[in-house]
Amino acid sequence: MKFFDDIKSELGKISWINKRDNVKSTIGVVLVTIILGLFVMLVDFIFSSITEFLLGG
């Protein structure tokens, strides 16, 4: 039982993020992921085009 009391005590010490900050952080992560995905797609397209041109495809 002491184990669970210790867990409850430790969880009470955590500084939980509020809902507004959590939503803002999530939106930021999604936007950065989309931007990086588009960047990687562009770089892939450029290298594919260069490779196709050099190989005469």
PDB file of N, CA and C in Angstrom:
ATOM      1  N   MET A   1       0.821  -1.190   0.000  1.00  0.00           N
ATOM      2  CA  MET A   1       0.000   0.000   0.000  1.00  0.00           C
ATOM      3  C   MET A   1       0.869   1.260   0.000  1.00  0.00           C
ATOM      4  N   LYS A   2       2.008   1.210   0.669  1.00  0.00           N
ATOM      5  CA  LYS A   2       2.897   2.367   0.723  1.00  0.00           C
ATOM      6  C   LYS A   2       3.357   2.750  -0.674  1.00  0.00           C
ATOM      7  N   PHE A   3       3.559   1.741  -1.528  1.00  0.00           N
ATOM      8  CA  PHE A   3       3.998   1.991  -2.899  1.00  0.00           C
ATOM      9  C   PHE A   3       3.006   2.913  -3.613  1.00  0.00           C
ATOM     10  N   PHE A   4       1.711   2.609  -3.506  1.00  0.00           N
ATOM     11  CA  PHE A   4       0.699   3.407  -4.188  1.00  0.00           C
ATOM     12  C   PHE A   4       0.562   4.791  -3.561  1.00  0.00           C
ATOM     13  N   ASP A   5       0.752   4.889  -2.267  1.00  0.00           N
ATOM     14  CA  ASP A   5       0.744   6.200  -1.614  1.00  0.00           C
ATOM     15  C   ASP A   5       1.916   7.052  -2.110  1.00  0.00           C
ATOM     16  N   ASP A   6       3.063   6.418  -2.303  1.00  0.00           N
ATOM     17  CA  ASP A   6       4.228   7.134  -2.830  1.00  0.00           C
ATOM     18  C   ASP A   6       3.978   7.607  -4.256  1.00  0.00           C
ATOM     19  N   ILE A   7       3.339   6.757  -5.049  1.00  0.00           N
ATOM     20  CA  ILE A   7       3.022   7.147  -6.433  1.00  0.00           C
ATOM     21  C   ILE A   7       2.091   8.352  -6.433  1.00  0.00           C
ATOM     22  N   LYS A   8       1.053   8.295  -5.615  1.00  0.00           N
ATOM     23  CA  LYS A   8       0.098   9.401  -5.533  1.00  0.00           C
ATOM     24  C   LYS A   8       0.809  10.681  -5.092  1.00  0.00           C
ATOM     25  N   SER A   9       1.717  10.571  -4.161  1.00  0.00           N
ATOM     26  CA  SER A   9       2.466  11.725  -3.683  1.00  0.00           C
ATOM     27  C   SER A   9       3.339  12.310  -4.790  1.00  0.00           C
ATOM     28  N   GLU A  10       4.010  11.455  -5.535  1.00  0.00           N
ATOM     29  CA  GLU A  10       4.880  11.922  -6.621  1.00  0.00           C
ATOM     30  C   GLU A  10       4.069  12.569  -7.743  1.00  0.00           C
ATOM     31  N   LEU A  11       2.915  11.988  -8.084  1.00  0.00           N
ATOM     32  CA  LEU A  11       2.071  12.570  -9.125  1.00  0.00           C
ATOM     33  C   LEU A  11       1.572  13.954  -8.729  1.00  0.00           C
ATOM     34  N   GLY A  12       1.398  14.182  -7.433  1.00  0.00           N
ATOM     35  CA  GLY A  12       0.966  15.492  -6.956  1.00  0.00           C
ATOM     36  C   GLY A  12       2.040  16.552  -7.115  1.00  0.00           C
ATOM     37  N   LYS A  13       3.283  16.151  -7.236  1.00  0.00           N
ATOM     38  CA  LYS A  13       4.395  17.103  -7.383  1.00  0.00           C
ATOM     39  C   LYS A  13       4.599  17.552  -8.822  1.00  0.00           C
ATOM     40  N   ILE A  14       3.963  16.860  -9.758  1.00  0.00           N
ATOM     41  CA  ILE A  14       4.151  17.179 -11.178  1.00  0.00           C
ATOM     42  C   ILE A  14       3.435  18.475 -11.514  1.00  0.00           C
ATOM     43  N   SER A  15       4.096  19.312 -12.290  1.00  0.00           N
ATOM     44  CA  SER A  15       3.485  20.545 -12.781  1.00  0.00           C
ATOM     45  C   SER A  15       2.850  20.230 -14.130  1.00  0.00           C
ATOM     46  N   TRP A  16       1.554  19.985 -14.127  1.00  0.00           N
ATOM     47  CA  TRP A  16       0.857  19.596 -15.346  1.00  0.00           C
ATOM     48  C   TRP A  16       0.600  20.813 -16.220  1.00  0.00           C
ATOM     49  N   ILE A  17       0.713  20.635 -17.528  1.00  0.00           N
ATOM     50  CA  ILE A  17       0.466  21.704 -18.484  1.00  0.00           C
ATOM     51  C   ILE A  17      -1.045  21.905 -18.610  1.00  0.00           C
ATOM     52  N   ASN A  18      -1.467  23.170 -18.793  1.00  0.00           N
ATOM     53  CA  ASN A  18      -2.910  23.401 -18.919  1.00  0.00           C
ATOM     54  C   ASN A  18      -3.363  23.105 -20.355  1.00  0.00           C
ATOM     55  N   LYS A  19      -4.669  23.052 -20.544  1.00  0.00           N
ATOM     56  CA  LYS A  19      -5.238  22.626 -21.826  1.00  0.00           C
ATOM     57  C   LYS A  19      -4.831  23.566 -22.961  1.00  0.00           C
ATOM     58  N   ARG A  20      -4.839  24.858 -22.715  1.00  0.00           N
ATOM     59  CA  ARG A  20      -4.520  25.831 -23.766  1.00  0.00           C
ATOM     60  C   ARG A  20      -3.070  25.651 -24.251  1.00  0.00           C
ATOM     61  N   ASP A  21      -2.146  25.515 -23.328  1.00  0.00           N
ATOM     62  CA  ASP A  21      -0.748  25.309 -23.707  1.00  0.00           C
ATOM     63  C   ASP A  21      -0.558  23.977 -24.420  1.00  0.00           C
ATOM     64  N   ASN A  22      -1.298  22.973 -23.985  1.00  0.00           N
ATOM     65  CA  ASN A  22      -1.213  21.665 -24.618  1.00  0.00           C
ATOM     66  C   ASN A  22      -1.695  21.723 -26.061  1.00  0.00           C
ATOM     67  N   VAL A  23      -2.796  22.419 -26.307  1.00  0.00           N
ATOM     68  CA  VAL A  23      -3.321  22.556 -27.672  1.00  0.00           C
ATOM     69  C   VAL A  23      -2.336  23.341 -28.534  1.00  0.00           C
ATOM     70  N   LYS A  24      -1.772  24.424 -27.994  1.00  0.00           N
ATOM     71  CA  LYS A  24      -0.802  25.219 -28.753  1.00  0.00           C
ATOM     72  C   LYS A  24       0.426  24.389 -29.109  1.00  0.00           C
ATOM     73  N   SER A  25       0.910  23.596 -28.175  1.00  0.00           N
ATOM     74  CA  SER A  25       2.073  22.758 -28.438  1.00  0.00           C
ATOM     75  C   SER A  25       1.763  21.709 -29.496  1.00  0.00           C
ATOM     76  N   THR A  26       0.588  21.119 -29.416  1.00  0.00           N
ATOM     77  CA  THR A  26       0.191  20.096 -30.386  1.00  0.00           C
ATOM     78  C   THR A  26       0.087  20.694 -31.781  1.00  0.00           C
ATOM     79  N   ILE A  27      -0.518  21.860 -31.893  1.00  0.00           N
ATOM     80  CA  ILE A  27      -0.629  22.526 -33.197  1.00  0.00           C
ATOM     81  C   ILE A  27       0.755  22.848 -33.736  1.00  0.00           C
ATOM     82  N   GLY A  28       1.651  23.300 -32.867  1.00  0.00           N
ATOM     83  CA  GLY A  28       3.020  23.593 -33.303  1.00  0.00           C
ATOM     84  C   GLY A  28       3.722  22.358 -33.832  1.00  0.00           C
ATOM     85  N   VAL A  29       3.568  21.239 -33.147  1.00  0.00           N
ATOM     86  CA  VAL A  29       4.203  19.997 -33.589  1.00  0.00           C
ATOM     87  C   VAL A  29       3.633  19.553 -34.929  1.00  0.00           C
ATOM     88  N   VAL A  30       2.317  19.642 -35.091  1.00  0.00           N
ATOM     89  CA  VAL A  30       1.687  19.239 -36.350  1.00  0.00           C
ATOM     90  C   VAL A  30       2.161  20.129 -37.494  1.00  0.00           C
ATOM     91  N   LEU A  31       2.225  21.440 -37.268  1.00  0.00           N
ATOM     92  CA  LEU A  31       2.673  22.359 -38.322  1.00  0.00           C
ATOM     93  C   LEU A  31       4.127  22.110 -38.709  1.00  0.00           C
ATOM     94  N   VAL A  32       4.999  21.931 -37.738  1.00  0.00           N
ATOM     95  CA  VAL A  32       6.406  21.669 -38.033  1.00  0.00           C
ATOM     96  C   VAL A  32       6.548  20.352 -38.785  1.00  0.00           C
ATOM     97  N   THR A  33       5.765  19.345 -38.404  1.00  0.00           N
ATOM     98  CA  THR A  33       5.814  18.057 -39.091  1.00  0.00           C
ATOM     99  C   THR A  33       5.377  18.201 -40.541  1.00  0.00           C
ATOM    100  N   ILE A  34       4.320  18.956 -40.790  1.00  0.00           N
ATOM    101  CA  ILE A  34       3.851  19.170 -42.164  1.00  0.00           C
ATOM    102  C   ILE A  34       4.890  19.931 -42.971  1.00  0.00           C
ATOM    103  N   ILE A  35       5.462  20.976 -42.402  1.00  0.00           N
ATOM    104  CA  ILE A  35       6.463  21.775 -43.110  1.00  0.00           C
ATOM    105  C   ILE A  35       7.686  20.924 -43.446  1.00  0.00           C
ATOM    106  N   LEU A  36       8.179  20.155 -42.486  1.00  0.00           N
ATOM    107  CA  LEU A  36       9.339  19.299 -42.747  1.00  0.00           C
ATOM    108  C   LEU A  36       9.005  18.220 -43.776  1.00  0.00           C
ATOM    109  N   GLY A  37       7.790  17.692 -43.730  1.00  0.00           N
ATOM    110  CA  GLY A  37       7.368  16.709 -44.725  1.00  0.00           C
ATOM    111  C   GLY A  37       7.361  17.297 -46.119  1.00  0.00           C
ATOM    112  N   LEU A  38       6.856  18.515 -46.257  1.00  0.00           N
ATOM    113  CA  LEU A  38       6.856  19.180 -47.566  1.00  0.00           C
ATOM    114  C   LEU A  38       8.281  19.461 -48.038  1.00  0.00           C
ATOM    115  N   PHE A  39       9.150  19.849 -47.116  1.00  0.00           N
ATOM    116  CA  PHE A  39      10.544  20.103 -47.469  1.00  0.00           C
ATOM    117  C   PHE A  39      11.228  18.830 -47.971  1.00  0.00           C
ATOM    118  N   VAL A  40      11.028  17.729 -47.264  1.00  0.00           N
ATOM    119  CA  VAL A  40      11.625  16.452 -47.675  1.00  0.00           C
ATOM    120  C   VAL A  40      11.059  16.026 -49.025  1.00  0.00           C
ATOM    121  N   MET A  41       9.764  16.241 -49.245  1.00  0.00           N
ATOM    122  CA  MET A  41       9.147  15.906 -50.524  1.00  0.00           C
ATOM    123  C   MET A  41       9.778  16.731 -51.654  1.00  0.00           C
ATOM    124  N   LEU A  42      10.023  18.014 -51.422  1.00  0.00           N
ATOM    125  CA  LEU A  42      10.639  18.874 -52.423  1.00  0.00           C
ATOM    126  C   LEU A  42      12.065  18.423 -52.733  1.00  0.00           C
ATOM    127  N   VAL A  43      12.848  18.135 -51.706  1.00  0.00           N
ATOM    128  CA  VAL A  43      14.219  17.666 -51.903  1.00  0.00           C
ATOM    129  C   VAL A  43      14.217  16.345 -52.660  1.00  0.00           C
ATOM    130  N   ASP A  44      13.301  15.449 -52.333  1.00  0.00           N
ATOM    131  CA  ASP A  44      13.195  14.168 -53.029  1.00  0.00           C
ATOM    132  C   ASP A  44      12.855  14.385 -54.497  1.00  0.00           C
ATOM    133  N   PHE A  45      11.929  15.289 -54.772  1.00  0.00           N
ATOM    134  CA  PHE A  45      11.552  15.582 -56.154  1.00  0.00           C
ATOM    135  C   PHE A  45      12.745  16.141 -56.937  1.00  0.00           C
ATOM    136  N   ILE A  46      13.488  17.048 -56.314  1.00  0.00           N
ATOM    137  CA  ILE A  46      14.649  17.646 -56.986  1.00  0.00           C
ATOM    138  C   ILE A  46      15.697  16.581 -57.299  1.00  0.00           C
ATOM    139  N   PHE A  47      16.047  15.755 -56.308  1.00  0.00           N
ATOM    140  CA  PHE A  47      17.048  14.717 -56.545  1.00  0.00           C
ATOM    141  C   PHE A  47      16.562  13.673 -57.541  1.00  0.00           C
ATOM    142  N   SER A  48      15.280  13.353 -57.504  1.00  0.00           N
ATOM    143  CA  SER A  48      14.732  12.402 -58.480  1.00  0.00           C
ATOM    144  C   SER A  48      14.817  12.964 -59.884  1.00  0.00           C
ATOM    145  N   SER A  49      14.503  14.234 -60.030  1.00  0.00           N
ATOM    146  CA  SER A  49      14.577  14.869 -61.349  1.00  0.00           C
ATOM    147  C   SER A  49      16.016  14.908 -61.859  1.00  0.00           C
ATOM    148  N   ILE A  50      16.952  15.263 -61.000  1.00  0.00           N
ATOM    149  CA  ILE A  50      18.363  15.294 -61.393  1.00  0.00           C
ATOM    150  C   ILE A  50      18.835  13.905 -61.793  1.00  0.00           C
ATOM    151  N   THR A  51      18.490  12.896 -61.008  1.00  0.00           N
ATOM    152  CA  THR A  51      18.892  11.528 -61.313  1.00  0.00           C
ATOM    153  C   THR A  51      18.285  11.066 -62.630  1.00  0.00           C
ATOM    154  N   GLU A  52      17.018  11.348 -62.835  1.00  0.00           N
ATOM    155  CA  GLU A  52      16.341  10.964 -64.082  1.00  0.00           C
ATOM    156  C   GLU A  52      16.991  11.655 -65.278  1.00  0.00           C
ATOM    157  N   PHE A  53      17.350  12.937 -65.137  1.00  0.00           N
ATOM    158  CA  PHE A  53      17.990  13.660 -66.218  1.00  0.00           C
ATOM    159  C   PHE A  53      19.360  13.089 -66.530  1.00  0.00           C
ATOM    160  N   LEU A  54      20.145  12.783 -65.492  1.00  0.00           N
ATOM    161  CA  LEU A  54      21.492  12.262 -65.709  1.00  0.00           C
ATOM    162  C   LEU A  54      21.481  10.844 -66.296  1.00  0.00           C
ATOM    163  N   LEU A  55      20.491  10.062 -65.957  1.00  0.00           N
ATOM    164  CA  LEU A  55      20.419   8.707 -66.458  1.00  0.00           C
ATOM    165  C   LEU A  55      19.654   8.603 -67.773  1.00  0.00           C
ATOM    166  N   GLY A  56      19.137   9.720 -68.241  1.00  0.00           N
ATOM    167  CA  GLY A  56      18.436   9.738 -69.520  1.00  0.00           C
ATOM    168  C   GLY A  56      17.079   9.070 -69.472  1.00  0.00           C
ATOM    169  N   GLY A  57      16.438   9.126 -68.314  1.00  0.00           N
ATOM    170  CA  GLY A  57      15.159   8.446 -68.136  1.00  0.00           C
ATOM    171  C   GLY A  57      14.028   9.236 -68.637  1.00  0.00           C
TER     172      GLY A  57
END
